[in-house]
């Protein structure tokens, strides 16, 4: 699963990418895309690792793509922005970064520091980019449906949906607001519409504002958070002991990057079930509402094919018991059938026979 990080020039977008991924930005490659895979922080895995001392530790993972910023001040910049966001269409979600800090050493985008104005402008460009794509599709479908064909009924349904989407975009509403069912969502997703994707807004603030709430929230964003990208990048470079001491001095329990990564993971409808033993402690990524038999297939197709039962204990019950034997003694371990919907944090041992 992949998130694109987008934002205006000088917003701190690449600094945030460095903080999330640990990859230091190379100024000579500022106009290139950068991709990195990161671990999803999960205290539950750390607890299980302390219990089992496994040979292998495997957390859930996400990819982040840093897309170079482009000025939206003129038509040339807008065209460049739309060109660059083609890569974002292939991503599962967007992290939008805007600047809300003063610095004499960082040039001001549009000679201002106005995070809300920058965010509104950025959302508008996403709307326009999708509207251009929808208009082209509507024109093509209108021509195609004038002729009899075996696909005409399906194309007429799509045309009806696309016109509804077009009306929404022309009213400055996102594609997501016009989708009425799962079939329409599948069609829309095939076009990679930017305003259909889950969006998290990051307001890059000065160090004096990191403890405060976001100064504003955008109506079309799933979540809005404030952080200092520069400070997060510095924290990411510290070893564990120094990092914990630094966070304690700031009155913080964890880096903001950890919250952001988890928010990204949650926003695209993902959960983790866990497996634990001396060989490996691992988080397995699945979609919400996945039945146990399909979750088994994430580990191996043979386990899915020969599925008998899922031996399940909720992580909180396991933690309270202290180990698996005690959890079983307390009757917290259940045997679940194929149709059982796996919950986030379930620790599972699959029984199977092939």
Protein backbone atom coordinates (compact mmCIF):
# COMPACT_ATOMS: atom_id res chain seq x y z
CA UNK A 1 0.00 0.00 0.00
CA UNK A 2 1.38 3.38 -1.01
CA UNK A 3 0.83 7.00 0.05
CA UNK A 4 1.88 9.99 -2.02
CA UNK A 5 3.22 13.01 -0.14
CA UNK A 6 2.28 16.19 -1.97
CA UNK A 7 2.43 19.89 -1.17
CA UNK A 8 3.57 23.30 -2.39
CA UNK A 9 7.27 24.15 -2.65
CA UNK A 10 8.90 25.04 0.69
CA UNK A 11 6.15 23.30 2.67
CA UNK A 12 8.56 20.86 4.34
CA UNK A 13 7.20 17.93 2.37
CA UNK A 14 10.58 16.34 1.67
CA UNK A 15 11.68 16.95 5.25
CA UNK A 16 8.62 15.04 6.40
CA UNK A 17 9.46 12.23 3.96
CA UNK A 18 12.92 12.07 5.53
CA UNK A 19 11.39 11.97 9.02
CA UNK A 20 9.00 9.16 8.09
CA UNK A 21 11.45 7.04 6.14
CA UNK A 22 14.87 7.89 7.57
CA UNK A 23 16.10 8.74 4.07
CA UNK A 24 17.94 12.03 3.93
CA UNK A 25 17.00 14.29 1.04
CA UNK A 26 19.64 14.96 -1.60
CA UNK A 27 19.32 18.61 -2.74
CA UNK A 28 20.64 17.66 -6.19
CA UNK A 29 17.61 15.36 -6.66
CA UNK A 30 14.95 17.79 -5.41
CA UNK A 31 12.95 17.51 -8.63
CA UNK A 32 12.81 13.70 -8.60
CA UNK A 33 10.33 11.35 -6.96
CA UNK A 34 11.55 9.31 -4.01
CA UNK A 35 10.03 6.04 -2.81
CA UNK A 36 10.65 4.28 0.49
CA UNK A 37 9.15 1.40 2.46
CA UNK A 38 8.66 1.85 6.21
CA UNK A 39 7.54 -0.24 9.18
CA UNK A 40 4.18 0.54 10.78
CA UNK A 41 4.83 1.16 14.51
CA UNK A 42 3.01 -1.41 16.63
CA UNK A 43 3.50 -1.70 20.40
CA UNK A 44 1.65 -5.03 20.32
CA UNK A 45 4.44 -6.62 18.28
CA UNK A 46 7.01 -5.22 20.69
CA UNK A 47 5.16 -6.83 23.61
CA UNK A 48 4.95 -10.18 21.82
CA UNK A 49 8.62 -9.95 20.93
CA UNK A 50 9.50 -9.51 24.61
CA UNK A 51 7.45 -12.63 25.41
CA UNK A 52 8.77 -14.93 22.67
CA UNK A 53 12.24 -13.53 21.82
CA UNK A 54 11.66 -14.60 18.20
CA UNK A 55 14.30 -15.21 15.58
CA UNK A 56 12.43 -12.88 13.24
CA UNK A 57 10.36 -9.71 13.78
CA UNK A 58 8.13 -8.65 10.87
CA UNK A 59 5.87 -5.58 11.20
CA UNK A 60 3.29 -4.34 8.71
CA UNK A 61 4.72 -2.04 6.05
CA UNK A 62 3.69 0.94 3.97
CA UNK A 63 5.29 2.76 1.06
CA UNK A 64 5.65 6.53 0.84
CA UNK A 65 6.28 8.42 -2.38
CA UNK A 66 7.66 11.95 -2.18
CA UNK A 67 6.39 13.91 -5.18
CA UNK A 68 8.24 17.17 -6.01
CA UNK A 69 6.24 20.32 -5.40
CA UNK A 70 5.23 22.67 -8.18
CA UNK A 71 4.12 26.29 -7.92
CA UNK A 72 0.43 26.81 -8.69
CA UNK A 73 0.86 30.53 -9.28
CA UNK A 74 0.54 30.31 -13.06
CA UNK A 75 -0.69 28.04 -15.86
CA UNK A 76 2.75 26.55 -16.46
CA UNK A 77 3.09 25.57 -12.82
CA UNK A 78 -0.42 24.11 -12.76
CA UNK A 79 0.36 22.00 -15.83
CA UNK A 80 3.58 20.80 -14.19
CA UNK A 81 1.67 19.92 -11.01
CA UNK A 82 -0.85 17.81 -12.94
CA UNK A 83 1.96 16.04 -14.73
CA UNK A 84 3.66 15.21 -11.44
CA UNK A 85 0.49 13.97 -9.80
CA UNK A 86 0.12 11.18 -12.36
CA UNK A 87 2.23 9.09 -9.98
CA UNK A 88 -0.18 9.94 -7.16
CA UNK A 89 -3.07 8.43 -9.13
CA UNK A 90 -1.43 5.03 -8.68
CA UNK A 91 -1.22 5.46 -4.90
CA UNK A 92 -3.79 4.37 -2.32
CA UNK A 93 -3.90 7.65 -0.39
CA UNK A 94 -2.52 11.17 -0.13
CA UNK A 95 -0.64 13.05 2.57
CA UNK A 96 -0.99 16.78 1.89
CA UNK A 97 1.61 19.00 3.56
CA UNK A 98 1.23 22.76 4.04
CA UNK A 99 3.46 25.25 5.81
CA UNK A 100 2.56 27.11 8.99
CA UNK A 101 5.98 28.16 10.29
CA UNK A 102 8.19 31.22 9.92
CA UNK A 103 11.85 30.87 8.97
CA UNK A 104 14.26 33.40 7.54
CA UNK A 105 16.20 30.52 5.99
CA UNK A 106 13.30 29.08 3.99
CA UNK A 107 11.80 30.97 1.05
CA UNK A 108 8.10 31.66 1.31
CA UNK A 109 5.79 30.07 -1.23
CA UNK A 110 3.88 32.89 -2.97
CA UNK A 111 5.62 35.29 -0.56
CA UNK A 112 3.31 34.24 2.26
CA UNK A 113 2.85 31.81 5.12
CA UNK A 114 -0.82 30.88 4.88
CA UNK A 115 -1.43 27.17 5.42
CA UNK A 116 -5.19 27.33 4.89
CA UNK A 117 -4.89 29.22 1.62
CA UNK A 118 -2.22 26.80 0.40
CA UNK A 119 -4.40 23.81 1.31
CA UNK A 120 -7.49 25.26 -0.39
CA UNK A 121 -5.43 25.93 -3.51
CA UNK A 122 -4.01 22.40 -3.46
CA UNK A 123 -7.45 20.80 -3.11
CA UNK A 124 -8.76 22.96 -5.94
CA UNK A 125 -6.00 21.72 -8.22
CA UNK A 126 -6.88 18.11 -7.39
CA UNK A 127 -10.50 18.92 -8.25
CA UNK A 128 -9.48 20.47 -11.58
CA UNK A 129 -7.20 17.56 -12.43
CA UNK A 130 -10.02 15.06 -11.83
CA UNK A 131 -12.54 17.24 -13.68
CA UNK A 132 -10.34 17.29 -16.75
CA UNK A 133 -10.12 13.50 -16.68
CA UNK A 134 -13.87 13.06 -16.12
CA UNK A 135 -14.77 15.46 -18.92
CA UNK A 136 -12.66 13.45 -21.35
CA UNK A 137 -14.32 10.22 -20.22
CA UNK A 138 -17.83 11.66 -20.52
CA UNK A 139 -17.10 12.86 -24.05
CA UNK A 140 -15.81 9.42 -25.03
CA UNK A 141 -18.80 7.62 -23.50
CA UNK A 142 -21.30 9.95 -25.14
CA UNK A 143 -19.87 9.10 -28.55
CA UNK A 144 -19.59 5.39 -27.80
CA UNK A 145 -23.16 5.00 -26.54
CA UNK A 146 -24.60 6.43 -29.74
CA UNK A 147 -23.89 3.09 -31.41
CA UNK A 148 -25.32 -0.34 -30.59
CA UNK A 149 -22.81 -2.64 -28.91
CA UNK A 150 -22.68 -5.48 -26.38
CA UNK A 151 -21.21 -3.05 -23.81
CA UNK A 152 -23.73 -0.27 -24.37
CA UNK A 153 -25.80 -0.88 -21.23
CA UNK A 154 -22.71 -0.93 -19.02
CA UNK A 155 -21.40 2.21 -20.70
CA UNK A 156 -24.73 3.98 -20.19
CA UNK A 157 -24.54 3.19 -16.46
CA UNK A 158 -20.99 4.46 -16.33
CA UNK A 159 -21.96 7.59 -18.25
CA UNK A 160 -24.72 8.33 -15.74
CA UNK A 161 -22.22 7.97 -12.90
CA UNK A 162 -19.57 10.07 -14.62
CA UNK A 163 -22.03 12.91 -15.24
CA UNK A 164 -22.91 12.85 -11.55
CA UNK A 165 -19.20 12.93 -10.71
CA UNK A 166 -18.70 15.79 -13.16
CA UNK A 167 -21.50 17.79 -11.51
CA UNK A 168 -19.90 17.23 -8.10
CA UNK A 169 -16.47 18.35 -9.26
CA UNK A 170 -17.90 21.43 -10.96
CA UNK A 171 -19.43 22.28 -7.56
CA UNK A 172 -15.92 21.85 -6.04
CA UNK A 173 -16.89 18.62 -4.26
CA UNK A 174 -14.63 15.54 -4.46
CA UNK A 175 -15.33 12.45 -6.53
CA UNK A 176 -15.94 10.51 -3.32
CA UNK A 177 -19.05 12.60 -2.61
CA UNK A 178 -20.74 11.38 -5.81
CA UNK A 179 -20.13 7.63 -5.48
CA UNK A 180 -23.26 5.70 -4.51
CA UNK A 181 -22.24 2.02 -4.28
CA UNK A 182 -19.37 -0.45 -4.40
CA UNK A 183 -19.69 -1.05 -8.15
CA UNK A 184 -19.34 2.66 -8.84
CA UNK A 185 -16.38 2.85 -6.47
CA UNK A 186 -14.61 0.05 -8.35
CA UNK A 187 -15.14 1.87 -11.65
CA UNK A 188 -13.95 5.19 -10.21
CA UNK A 189 -10.89 3.59 -8.61
CA UNK A 190 -9.80 2.26 -11.99
CA UNK A 191 -9.30 5.88 -13.11
CA UNK A 192 -7.15 6.79 -10.11
CA UNK A 193 -9.18 9.88 -9.26
CA UNK A 194 -7.22 11.98 -6.79
CA UNK A 195 -10.27 13.21 -4.87
CA UNK A 196 -11.53 9.68 -4.38
CA UNK A 197 -8.49 8.74 -2.31
CA UNK A 198 -8.30 9.09 1.49
CA UNK A 199 -6.50 12.30 2.42
CA UNK A 200 -4.54 13.17 5.54
CA UNK A 201 -3.52 16.79 6.01
CA UNK A 202 -0.27 17.65 7.78
CA UNK A 203 0.18 21.24 8.93
CA UNK A 204 3.90 21.78 9.28
CA UNK A 205 4.22 24.11 12.27
CA UNK A 206 7.04 25.69 14.22
CA UNK A 207 8.43 23.99 17.30
CA UNK A 208 6.44 26.34 19.54
CA UNK A 209 3.14 24.94 18.21
CA UNK A 210 3.74 21.18 18.27
CA UNK A 211 1.70 20.61 21.43
CA UNK A 212 -1.36 22.48 20.14
CA UNK A 213 -4.32 21.33 18.11
CA UNK A 214 -4.35 21.90 14.34
CA UNK A 215 -5.29 25.54 13.65
CA UNK A 216 -7.96 24.40 11.18
CA UNK A 217 -9.39 21.29 9.55
CA UNK A 218 -10.38 20.69 5.95
CA UNK A 219 -13.85 19.31 5.29
CA UNK A 220 -12.63 16.74 2.74
CA UNK A 221 -9.72 15.35 4.78
CA UNK A 222 -10.07 12.23 6.92
CA UNK A 223 -7.68 13.64 9.49
CA UNK A 224 -5.66 16.79 10.10
CA UNK A 225 -2.60 16.90 12.33
CA UNK A 226 0.06 19.40 13.29
CA UNK A 227 3.73 18.53 13.54
CA UNK A 228 7.15 20.03 13.01
CA UNK A 229 8.71 18.14 10.10
CA UNK A 230 12.16 19.47 10.95
CA UNK A 231 11.89 18.31 14.56
CA UNK A 232 10.50 14.93 13.50
CA UNK A 233 13.47 14.48 11.15
CA UNK A 234 15.84 15.25 14.04
CA UNK A 235 14.01 12.83 16.37
CA UNK A 236 14.22 10.08 13.74
CA UNK A 237 18.03 10.33 13.78
CA UNK A 238 18.32 9.76 17.55
CA UNK A 239 18.91 6.37 19.13
CA UNK A 240 16.06 4.92 21.20
CA UNK A 241 17.21 6.12 24.63
CA UNK A 242 17.99 9.66 23.47
CA UNK A 243 14.73 9.77 21.53
CA UNK A 244 12.66 8.81 24.56
CA UNK A 245 14.42 11.38 26.73
CA UNK A 246 13.92 14.09 24.10
CA UNK A 247 10.21 13.28 23.77
CA UNK A 248 9.81 13.30 27.55
CA UNK A 249 11.32 16.80 27.70
CA UNK A 250 8.73 17.90 25.12
CA UNK A 251 5.89 16.26 27.02
CA UNK A 252 5.21 13.83 24.15
CA UNK A 253 4.64 10.08 24.40
CA UNK A 254 5.76 9.25 20.86
CA UNK A 255 6.93 10.97 17.68
CA UNK A 256 4.20 12.49 15.55
CA UNK A 257 5.49 10.43 12.63
CA UNK A 258 4.25 7.27 14.38
CA UNK A 259 0.75 8.71 14.65
CA UNK A 260 0.86 9.77 11.01
CA UNK A 261 1.95 6.34 9.80
CA UNK A 262 -0.80 4.61 11.78
CA UNK A 263 -3.36 7.13 10.52
CA UNK A 264 -2.33 6.33 6.94
CA UNK A 265 -2.64 2.60 7.61
CA UNK A 266 -6.10 3.02 9.13
CA UNK A 267 -7.37 5.42 6.49
CA UNK A 268 -7.18 2.89 3.67
CA UNK A 269 -9.17 0.32 5.61
CA UNK A 270 -6.34 -1.91 6.80
CA UNK A 271 -6.01 -3.93 10.00
CA UNK A 272 -3.38 -6.34 11.29
CA UNK A 273 -3.76 -9.79 12.73
CA UNK A 274 -0.77 -11.19 14.57
CA UNK A 275 1.09 -14.47 14.71
CA UNK A 276 3.59 -15.18 17.45
CA UNK A 277 6.13 -17.83 18.32
CA UNK A 278 9.82 -18.43 18.81
CA UNK A 279 10.45 -18.46 15.06
CA UNK A 280 8.67 -15.21 14.22
CA UNK A 281 6.46 -12.46 15.57
CA UNK A 282 4.58 -10.91 12.66
CA UNK A 283 1.79 -8.50 11.72
CA UNK A 284 -0.22 -9.58 8.69
CA UNK A 285 -2.01 -6.84 6.74
CA UNK A 286 -5.59 -7.46 5.64
CA UNK A 287 -8.62 -5.37 4.71
CA UNK A 288 -11.22 -4.67 7.37
CA UNK A 289 -14.04 -7.24 7.43
CA UNK A 290 -11.85 -10.04 6.05
CA UNK A 291 -13.12 -13.53 7.03
CA UNK A 292 -10.75 -15.91 8.77
CA UNK A 293 -10.39 -18.26 5.81
CA UNK A 294 -9.16 -15.42 3.58
CA UNK A 295 -6.84 -14.15 6.30
CA UNK A 296 -5.34 -17.65 6.42
CA UNK A 297 -4.53 -17.31 2.74
CA UNK A 298 -2.29 -14.33 3.51
CA UNK A 299 0.05 -16.74 5.26
CA UNK A 300 -0.16 -19.57 2.72
CA UNK A 301 -2.67 -20.83 0.16
CA UNK A 302 -2.43 -24.34 1.69
CA UNK A 303 -3.66 -22.99 5.04
CA UNK A 304 -6.66 -21.41 3.33
CA UNK A 305 -7.38 -24.55 1.31
CA UNK A 306 -7.18 -26.87 4.30
CA UNK A 307 -8.71 -24.47 6.84
CA UNK A 308 -10.35 -26.18 9.85
CA UNK A 309 -10.57 -23.57 12.59
CA UNK A 310 -8.86 -20.36 13.69
CA UNK A 311 -7.54 -20.35 17.24
CA UNK A 312 -8.01 -16.70 18.24
CA UNK A 313 -7.24 -14.52 21.24
CA UNK A 314 -7.61 -10.73 21.30
CA UNK A 315 -4.30 -8.99 22.00
CA UNK A 316 -5.65 -7.16 25.06
CA UNK A 317 -6.80 -10.47 26.56
CA UNK A 318 -3.41 -12.04 25.82
CA UNK A 319 -1.59 -9.10 27.40
CA UNK A 320 -3.76 -9.24 30.51
CA UNK A 321 -3.11 -12.98 30.85
CA UNK A 322 0.62 -12.64 30.25
CA UNK A 323 1.10 -15.62 27.93
CA UNK A 324 -0.85 -18.06 25.77
CA UNK A 325 -1.14 -20.80 28.41
CA UNK A 326 -2.68 -18.35 30.90
CA UNK A 327 -4.99 -16.95 28.22
CA UNK A 328 -6.28 -20.47 27.53
CA UNK A 329 -6.74 -21.13 31.25
CA UNK A 330 -8.80 -17.93 31.46
CA UNK A 331 -10.95 -19.12 28.52
CA UNK A 332 -9.88 -16.17 26.38
CA UNK A 333 -8.79 -18.34 23.44
CA UNK A 334 -11.61 -19.14 21.01
CA UNK A 335 -12.05 -21.52 18.07
CA UNK A 336 -13.57 -19.59 15.17
CA UNK A 337 -14.97 -20.83 11.80
CA UNK A 338 -14.19 -19.73 8.25
CA UNK A 339 -16.72 -16.90 8.29
CA UNK A 340 -15.33 -15.26 11.45
CA UNK A 341 -14.43 -11.62 10.71
CA UNK A 342 -10.87 -11.05 11.85
CA UNK A 343 -10.40 -8.08 14.20
CA UNK A 344 -7.43 -5.77 14.42
CA UNK A 345 -4.96 -7.20 16.93
CA UNK A 346 -6.29 -10.75 16.89
CA UNK A 347 -3.50 -13.23 17.63
CA UNK A 348 -4.29 -16.27 15.48
CA UNK A 349 -3.06 -19.80 15.07
CA UNK A 350 -4.74 -21.48 12.09
CA UNK A 351 -5.62 -25.16 12.27
CA UNK A 352 -5.59 -26.79 8.86
CA UNK A 353 -5.18 -30.09 7.06
CA UNK A 354 -4.05 -30.65 3.47
